[in-house]
Amino acid sequence: MLAVIKTGGKQYQVKTGDVLAIEKLPKSVAGDKVVFEQVLLLVDDKDNVTIGNPVVKDAKVEASIIKNYQDKKVTVVKYKAKTRYKRTVGHRQEKAQVKIEKIIS
Protein backbone atom coordinates (compact mmCIF):
# COMPACT_ATOMS: atom_id res chain seq x y z
CA MET A 1 0.00 0.00 0.00
CA LEU A 2 1.18 3.52 -0.79
CA ALA A 3 -0.03 6.89 0.51
CA VAL A 4 0.74 10.58 0.08
CA ILE A 5 0.50 12.46 3.38
CA LYS A 6 0.76 16.13 4.24
CA THR A 7 2.62 17.33 7.34
CA GLY A 8 4.67 20.40 8.16
CA GLY A 9 3.59 22.14 4.95
CA LYS A 10 5.14 19.41 2.80
CA GLN A 11 3.88 16.25 1.10
CA TYR A 12 5.52 12.85 1.47
CA GLN A 13 5.01 9.60 -0.43
CA VAL A 14 5.13 6.78 2.12
CA LYS A 15 4.63 3.03 2.43
CA THR A 16 4.77 0.71 5.41
CA GLY A 17 8.25 0.46 6.90
CA ASP A 18 9.58 3.75 5.48
CA VAL A 19 11.74 5.98 7.67
CA LEU A 20 11.61 9.69 6.86
CA ALA A 21 12.63 13.05 8.30
CA ILE A 22 9.80 15.53 8.79
CA GLU A 23 9.33 18.89 10.52
CA LYS A 24 9.27 18.38 14.28
CA LEU A 25 5.80 17.77 15.67
CA PRO A 26 4.73 19.78 18.72
CA LYS A 27 5.24 18.08 22.10
CA SER A 28 6.63 14.89 20.58
CA VAL A 29 9.06 12.56 22.32
CA ALA A 30 11.00 9.59 20.93
CA GLY A 31 8.81 6.49 21.11
CA ASP A 32 5.49 8.35 20.75
CA LYS A 33 2.89 7.14 18.27
CA VAL A 34 1.67 9.68 15.71
CA VAL A 35 -1.36 9.56 13.41
CA PHE A 36 -1.33 11.53 10.16
CA GLU A 37 -4.92 12.20 9.14
CA GLN A 38 -4.22 14.36 6.08
CA VAL A 39 -3.91 11.58 3.50
CA LEU A 40 -4.10 13.08 0.01
CA LEU A 41 -3.83 9.89 -2.08
CA LEU A 42 -4.04 6.13 -1.52
CA VAL A 43 -2.89 3.29 -3.76
CA ASP A 44 -3.82 -0.19 -2.54
CA ASP A 45 -2.20 -3.54 -3.35
CA LYS A 46 -4.45 -4.03 -6.41
CA ASP A 47 -3.34 -0.66 -7.88
CA ASN A 48 -6.67 1.02 -7.15
CA VAL A 49 -6.05 4.74 -6.75
CA THR A 50 -8.13 6.88 -4.39
CA ILE A 51 -7.62 10.62 -4.74
CA GLY A 52 -8.78 12.89 -1.93
CA ASN A 53 -10.83 16.04 -2.31
CA PRO A 54 -8.67 17.46 -0.62
CA VAL A 55 -8.15 14.47 1.71
CA VAL A 56 -9.22 10.83 1.54
CA LYS A 57 -12.10 10.21 3.95
CA ASP A 58 -11.39 7.83 6.89
CA ALA A 59 -7.77 7.26 5.80
CA LYS A 60 -4.95 7.46 8.33
CA VAL A 61 -1.26 6.71 8.49
CA GLU A 62 0.18 5.57 11.82
CA ALA A 63 3.84 6.16 12.63
CA SER A 64 6.21 6.15 15.58
CA ILE A 65 8.85 8.76 16.35
CA ILE A 66 12.38 7.38 16.35
CA LYS A 67 14.19 10.56 17.41
CA ASN A 68 14.06 14.35 17.43
CA TYR A 69 17.10 16.23 16.20
CA GLN A 70 18.35 19.45 14.62
CA ASP A 71 19.26 19.63 10.95
CA LYS A 72 22.55 21.02 9.66
CA LYS A 73 23.12 24.73 10.20
CA VAL A 74 22.11 27.06 7.38
CA THR A 75 24.02 30.35 7.33
CA VAL A 76 22.33 33.47 5.97
CA VAL A 77 24.44 36.54 5.13
CA LYS A 78 23.05 40.01 4.45
CA TYR A 79 25.51 42.45 2.86
CA LYS A 80 25.30 45.93 1.41
CA ALA A 81 28.25 47.31 -0.47
CA LYS A 82 29.93 50.58 0.57
CA THR A 83 27.82 51.06 3.71
CA ARG A 84 29.74 48.88 6.21
CA TYR A 85 26.67 46.69 6.64
CA LYS A 86 27.10 42.95 7.05
CA ARG A 87 24.95 40.61 9.10
CA THR A 88 25.31 36.85 9.56
CA VAL A 89 22.54 34.68 11.00
CA GLY A 90 22.46 30.90 11.47
CA HIS A 91 19.44 28.58 11.69
CA ARG A 92 19.05 24.91 12.63
CA GLN A 93 15.67 23.40 11.79
CA GLU A 94 14.04 21.08 14.33
CA LYS A 95 13.27 17.72 12.71
CA ALA A 96 11.80 14.38 13.71
CA GLN A 97 12.68 10.99 12.28
CA VAL A 98 9.57 8.78 11.99
CA LYS A 99 8.92 5.20 10.93
CA ILE A 100 5.65 4.42 9.15
CA GLU A 101 3.92 1.56 10.99
CA LYS A 102 0.72 1.05 8.96
CA ILE A 103 -1.64 2.69 6.47
CA ILE A 104 -5.34 2.51 7.30
CA SER A 105 -7.89 3.09 4.54
C-alpha atoms as a PDB file:
ATOM      1  CA  MET A   1       0.000   0.000   0.000  1.00  0.00           C
ATOM      2  CA  LEU A   2       1.176   3.525  -0.787  1.00  0.00           C
ATOM      3  CA  ALA A   3      -0.026   6.892   0.506  1.00  0.00           C
ATOM      4  CA  VAL A   4       0.740  10.578   0.078  1.00  0.00           C
ATOM      5  CA  ILE A   5       0.503  12.459   3.384  1.00  0.00           C
ATOM      6  CA  LYS A   6       0.758  16.132   4.237  1.00  0.00           C
ATOM      7  CA  THR A   7       2.625  17.334   7.338  1.00  0.00           C
ATOM      8  CA  GLY A   8       4.670  20.399   8.156  1.00  0.00           C
ATOM      9  CA  GLY A   9       3.591  22.137   4.948  1.00  0.00           C
ATOM     10  CA  LYS A  10       5.137  19.406   2.796  1.00  0.00           C
ATOM     11  CA  GLN A  11       3.878  16.253   1.098  1.00  0.00           C
ATOM     12  CA  TYR A  12       5.524  12.846   1.472  1.00  0.00           C
ATOM     13  CA  GLN A  13       5.009   9.595  -0.430  1.00  0.00           C
ATOM     14  CA  VAL A  14       5.132   6.775   2.124  1.00  0.00           C
ATOM     15  CA  LYS A  15       4.627   3.034   2.433  1.00  0.00           C
ATOM     16  CA  THR A  16       4.770   0.710   5.411  1.00  0.00           C
ATOM     17  CA  GLY A  17       8.254   0.456   6.904  1.00  0.00           C
ATOM     18  CA  ASP A  18       9.581   3.746   5.477  1.00  0.00           C
ATOM     19  CA  VAL A  19      11.740   5.978   7.667  1.00  0.00           C
ATOM     20  CA  LEU A  20      11.610   9.690   6.858  1.00  0.00           C
ATOM     21  CA  ALA A  21      12.627  13.052   8.304  1.00  0.00           C
ATOM     22  CA  ILE A  22       9.801  15.533   8.787  1.00  0.00           C
ATOM     23  CA  GLU A  23       9.326  18.889  10.516  1.00  0.00           C
ATOM     24  CA  LYS A  24       9.271  18.384  14.284  1.00  0.00           C
ATOM     25  CA  LEU A  25       5.803  17.769  15.672  1.00  0.00           C
ATOM     26  CA  PRO A  26       4.732  19.783  18.722  1.00  0.00           C
ATOM     27  CA  LYS A  27       5.244  18.084  22.100  1.00  0.00           C
ATOM     28  CA  SER A  28       6.631  14.894  20.582  1.00  0.00           C
ATOM     29  CA  VAL A  29       9.065  12.558  22.323  1.00  0.00           C
ATOM     30  CA  ALA A  30      10.997   9.589  20.931  1.00  0.00           C
ATOM     31  CA  GLY A  31       8.810   6.487  21.107  1.00  0.00           C
ATOM     32  CA  ASP A  32       5.494   8.351  20.747  1.00  0.00           C
ATOM     33  CA  LYS A  33       2.892   7.140  18.270  1.00  0.00           C
ATOM     34  CA  VAL A  34       1.675   9.679  15.708  1.00  0.00           C
ATOM     35  CA  VAL A  35      -1.361   9.558  13.406  1.00  0.00           C
ATOM     36  CA  PHE A  36      -1.327  11.527  10.157  1.00  0.00           C
ATOM     37  CA  GLU A  37      -4.917  12.197   9.135  1.00  0.00           C
ATOM     38  CA  GLN A  38      -4.220  14.358   6.081  1.00  0.00           C
ATOM     39  CA  VAL A  39      -3.914  11.578   3.498  1.00  0.00           C
ATOM     40  CA  LEU A  40      -4.097  13.081   0.010  1.00  0.00           C
ATOM     41  CA  LEU A  41      -3.835   9.891  -2.078  1.00  0.00           C
ATOM     42  CA  LEU A  42      -4.043   6.133  -1.522  1.00  0.00           C
ATOM     43  CA  VAL A  43      -2.893   3.290  -3.765  1.00  0.00           C
ATOM     44  CA  ASP A  44      -3.823  -0.186  -2.537  1.00  0.00           C
ATOM     45  CA  ASP A  45      -2.199  -3.540  -3.355  1.00  0.00           C
ATOM     46  CA  LYS A  46      -4.448  -4.033  -6.414  1.00  0.00           C
ATOM     47  CA  ASP A  47      -3.342  -0.659  -7.882  1.00  0.00           C
ATOM     48  CA  ASN A  48      -6.673   1.017  -7.146  1.00  0.00           C
ATOM     49  CA  VAL A  49      -6.047   4.739  -6.750  1.00  0.00           C
ATOM     50  CA  THR A  50      -8.126   6.876  -4.386  1.00  0.00           C
ATOM     51  CA  ILE A  51      -7.616  10.623  -4.743  1.00  0.00           C
ATOM     52  CA  GLY A  52      -8.784  12.887  -1.933  1.00  0.00           C
ATOM     53  CA  ASN A  53     -10.827  16.038  -2.313  1.00  0.00           C
ATOM     54  CA  PRO A  54      -8.675  17.461  -0.617  1.00  0.00           C
ATOM     55  CA  VAL A  55      -8.146  14.470   1.711  1.00  0.00           C
ATOM     56  CA  VAL A  56      -9.221  10.828   1.541  1.00  0.00           C
ATOM     57  CA  LYS A  57     -12.100  10.213   3.947  1.00  0.00           C
ATOM     58  CA  ASP A  58     -11.386   7.832   6.886  1.00  0.00           C
ATOM     59  CA  ALA A  59      -7.769   7.257   5.795  1.00  0.00           C
ATOM     60  CA  LYS A  60      -4.951   7.462   8.333  1.00  0.00           C
ATOM     61  CA  VAL A  61      -1.256   6.711   8.495  1.00  0.00           C
ATOM     62  CA  GLU A  62       0.185   5.566  11.816  1.00  0.00           C
ATOM     63  CA  ALA A  63       3.840   6.163  12.625  1.00  0.00           C
ATOM     64  CA  SER A  64       6.214   6.146  15.579  1.00  0.00           C
ATOM     65  CA  ILE A  65       8.847   8.755  16.345  1.00  0.00           C
ATOM     66  CA  ILE A  66      12.383   7.379  16.351  1.00  0.00           C
ATOM     67  CA  LYS A  67      14.191  10.563  17.408  1.00  0.00           C
ATOM     68  CA  ASN A  68      14.060  14.345  17.432  1.00  0.00           C
ATOM     69  CA  TYR A  69      17.102  16.230  16.200  1.00  0.00           C
ATOM     70  CA  GLN A  70      18.345  19.446  14.622  1.00  0.00           C
ATOM     71  CA  ASP A  71      19.257  19.627  10.945  1.00  0.00           C
ATOM     72  CA  LYS A  72      22.553  21.020   9.660  1.00  0.00           C
ATOM     73  CA  LYS A  73      23.123  24.735  10.197  1.00  0.00           C
ATOM     74  CA  VAL A  74      22.113  27.065   7.384  1.00  0.00           C
ATOM     75  CA  THR A  75      24.022  30.354   7.328  1.00  0.00           C
ATOM     76  CA  VAL A  76      22.331  33.469   5.970  1.00  0.00           C
ATOM     77  CA  VAL A  77      24.437  36.537   5.134  1.00  0.00           C
ATOM     78  CA  LYS A  78      23.053  40.014   4.447  1.00  0.00           C
ATOM     79  CA  TYR A  79      25.508  42.445   2.861  1.00  0.00           C
ATOM     80  CA  LYS A  80      25.304  45.933   1.410  1.00  0.00           C
ATOM     81  CA  ALA A  81      28.245  47.306  -0.466  1.00  0.00           C
ATOM     82  CA  LYS A  82      29.928  50.578   0.572  1.00  0.00           C
ATOM     83  CA  THR A  83      27.825  51.056   3.708  1.00  0.00           C
ATOM     84  CA  ARG A  84      29.741  48.881   6.205  1.00  0.00           C
ATOM     85  CA  TYR A  85      26.669  46.686   6.644  1.00  0.00           C
ATOM     86  CA  LYS A  86      27.099  42.949   7.054  1.00  0.00           C
ATOM     87  CA  ARG A  87      24.954  40.615   9.095  1.00  0.00           C
ATOM     88  CA  THR A  88      25.309  36.851   9.558  1.00  0.00           C
ATOM     89  CA  VAL A  89      22.537  34.676  11.002  1.00  0.00           C
ATOM     90  CA  GLY A  90      22.456  30.902  11.466  1.00  0.00           C
ATOM     91  CA  HIS A  91      19.440  28.581  11.692  1.00  0.00           C
ATOM     92  CA  ARG A  92      19.055  24.910  12.626  1.00  0.00           C
ATOM     93  CA  GLN A  93      15.669  23.397  11.786  1.00  0.00           C
ATOM     94  CA  GLU A  94      14.039  21.084  14.327  1.00  0.00           C
ATOM     95  CA  LYS A  95      13.270  17.719  12.710  1.00  0.00           C
ATOM     96  CA  ALA A  96      11.796  14.378  13.705  1.00  0.00           C
ATOM     97  CA  GLN A  97      12.677  10.986  12.277  1.00  0.00           C
ATOM     98  CA  VAL A  98       9.575   8.781  11.994  1.00  0.00           C
ATOM     99  CA  LYS A  99       8.922   5.201  10.931  1.00  0.00           C
ATOM    100  CA  ILE A 100       5.651   4.422   9.150  1.00  0.00           C
ATOM    101  CA  GLU A 101       3.921   1.562  10.990  1.00  0.00           C
ATOM    102  CA  LYS A 102       0.724   1.051   8.957  1.00  0.00           C
ATOM    103  CA  ILE A 103      -1.637   2.686   6.471  1.00  0.00           C
ATOM    104  CA  ILE A 104      -5.341   2.515   7.295  1.00  0.00           C
ATOM    105  CA  SER A 105      -7.894   3.094   4.540  1.00  0.00           C
END
